[in-house]
Amino acid sequence: MKITEIRKSTEAELQKLLSDKRAGFVLKKRALHAGELQNPKSIKVIRRDIATLMTLLNEPRDQKEEA
């Protein structure tokens, strides 16, 4: 995910993407523990995507509080 593309999204779109990523993360973790996951490093990518989305969602709120 490119951060420049994500910044152009609305807050509702970011929330939807975040919930989709979290659901995917749960499915990947289950597959990992069941021994069905082919690429365990994909979990790391999803975790980073979730962190990026959460940062962007909290960013405007942080800027408003400082002003």
C-alpha atoms as a PDB file:
ATOM      1  CA  MET A   1       0.000   0.000   0.000  1.00  0.00           C
ATOM      2  CA  LYS A   2       1.308   3.402  -0.963  1.00  0.00           C
ATOM      3  CA  ILE A   3       0.793   6.051   1.686  1.00  0.00           C
ATOM      4  CA  THR A   4       0.165   8.750  -0.926  1.00  0.00           C
ATOM      5  CA  GLU A   5      -2.751   6.738  -2.291  1.00  0.00           C
ATOM      6  CA  ILE A   6      -4.143   6.116   1.177  1.00  0.00           C
ATOM      7  CA  ARG A   7      -3.993   9.813   2.144  1.00  0.00           C
ATOM      8  CA  LYS A   8      -6.387  10.618  -0.716  1.00  0.00           C
ATOM      9  CA  SER A   9      -9.054   8.331   0.779  1.00  0.00           C
ATOM     10  CA  THR A  10     -11.875   9.535   2.999  1.00  0.00           C
ATOM     11  CA  GLU A  11     -12.103   8.572   6.651  1.00  0.00           C
ATOM     12  CA  ALA A  12     -14.977   6.159   5.909  1.00  0.00           C
ATOM     13  CA  GLU A  13     -12.907   4.420   3.255  1.00  0.00           C
ATOM     14  CA  LEU A  14      -9.979   4.152   5.663  1.00  0.00           C
ATOM     15  CA  GLN A  15     -12.235   2.632   8.339  1.00  0.00           C
ATOM     16  CA  LYS A  16     -13.542   0.077   5.826  1.00  0.00           C
ATOM     17  CA  LEU A  17     -10.028  -0.797   4.677  1.00  0.00           C
ATOM     18  CA  LEU A  18      -8.889  -1.126   8.288  1.00  0.00           C
ATOM     19  CA  SER A  19     -11.716  -3.520   9.151  1.00  0.00           C
ATOM     20  CA  ASP A  20     -10.952  -5.582   6.033  1.00  0.00           C
ATOM     21  CA  LYS A  21      -7.253  -5.759   6.934  1.00  0.00           C
ATOM     22  CA  ARG A  22      -8.058  -6.788  10.515  1.00  0.00           C
ATOM     23  CA  ALA A  23     -10.357  -9.559   9.290  1.00  0.00           C
ATOM     24  CA  GLY A  24      -7.650 -10.739   6.909  1.00  0.00           C
ATOM     25  CA  PHE A  25      -5.131 -10.677   9.729  1.00  0.00           C
ATOM     26  CA  VAL A  26      -7.308 -12.960  11.851  1.00  0.00           C
ATOM     27  CA  LEU A  27      -7.713 -15.404   8.974  1.00  0.00           C
ATOM     28  CA  LYS A  28      -3.950 -15.446   8.309  1.00  0.00           C
ATOM     29  CA  LYS A  29      -3.190 -16.059  11.996  1.00  0.00           C
ATOM     30  CA  ARG A  30      -5.620 -18.975  12.062  1.00  0.00           C
ATOM     31  CA  ALA A  31      -4.062 -20.413   8.913  1.00  0.00           C
ATOM     32  CA  LEU A  32      -0.592 -20.013  10.421  1.00  0.00           C
ATOM     33  CA  HIS A  33      -1.508 -21.916  13.570  1.00  0.00           C
ATOM     34  CA  ALA A  34      -3.242 -24.611  11.541  1.00  0.00           C
ATOM     35  CA  GLY A  35      -0.127 -25.022   9.406  1.00  0.00           C
ATOM     36  CA  GLU A  36      -1.926 -24.021   6.202  1.00  0.00           C
ATOM     37  CA  LEU A  37      -0.219 -20.681   5.549  1.00  0.00           C
ATOM     38  CA  GLN A  38       2.304 -20.828   2.713  1.00  0.00           C
ATOM     39  CA  ASN A  39       3.932 -17.449   3.351  1.00  0.00           C
ATOM     40  CA  PRO A  40       4.183 -16.504   7.048  1.00  0.00           C
ATOM     41  CA  LYS A  41       5.785 -13.160   6.162  1.00  0.00           C
ATOM     42  CA  SER A  42       2.442 -11.988   4.788  1.00  0.00           C
ATOM     43  CA  ILE A  43       1.303 -11.522   8.393  1.00  0.00           C
ATOM     44  CA  LYS A  44       4.051  -8.939   8.876  1.00  0.00           C
ATOM     45  CA  VAL A  45       2.863  -6.984   5.839  1.00  0.00           C
ATOM     46  CA  ILE A  46      -0.741  -6.939   7.071  1.00  0.00           C
ATOM     47  CA  ARG A  47       0.346  -5.788  10.539  1.00  0.00           C
ATOM     48  CA  ARG A  48       2.268  -2.895   9.016  1.00  0.00           C
ATOM     49  CA  ASP A  49      -0.690  -1.970   6.813  1.00  0.00           C
ATOM     50  CA  ILE A  50      -2.951  -1.921   9.871  1.00  0.00           C
ATOM     51  CA  ALA A  51      -0.480   0.288  11.741  1.00  0.00           C
ATOM     52  CA  THR A  52      -0.272   2.685   8.799  1.00  0.00           C
ATOM     53  CA  LEU A  53      -4.045   2.949   8.548  1.00  0.00           C
ATOM     54  CA  MET A  54      -4.429   3.523  12.278  1.00  0.00           C
ATOM     55  CA  THR A  55      -1.770   6.229  12.148  1.00  0.00           C
ATOM     56  CA  LEU A  56      -3.517   8.007   9.295  1.00  0.00           C
ATOM     57  CA  LEU A  57      -6.885   7.768  11.012  1.00  0.00           C
ATOM     58  CA  ASN A  58      -5.482   9.329  14.197  1.00  0.00           C
ATOM     59  CA  GLU A  59      -3.382  11.941  12.420  1.00  0.00           C
ATOM     60  CA  PRO A  60      -6.075  14.592  11.780  1.00  0.00           C
ATOM     61  CA  ARG A  61      -7.307  14.310  15.358  1.00  0.00           C
ATOM     62  CA  ASP A  62      -3.777  14.916  16.664  1.00  0.00           C
ATOM     63  CA  GLN A  63      -3.314  17.972  14.448  1.00  0.00           C
ATOM     64  CA  LYS A  64      -6.617  19.498  15.641  1.00  0.00           C
ATOM     65  CA  GLU A  65      -5.638  19.118  19.285  1.00  0.00           C
ATOM     66  CA  GLU A  66      -2.336  20.932  18.762  1.00  0.00           C
ATOM     67  CA  ALA A  67      -3.947  23.943  17.070  1.00  0.00           C
END
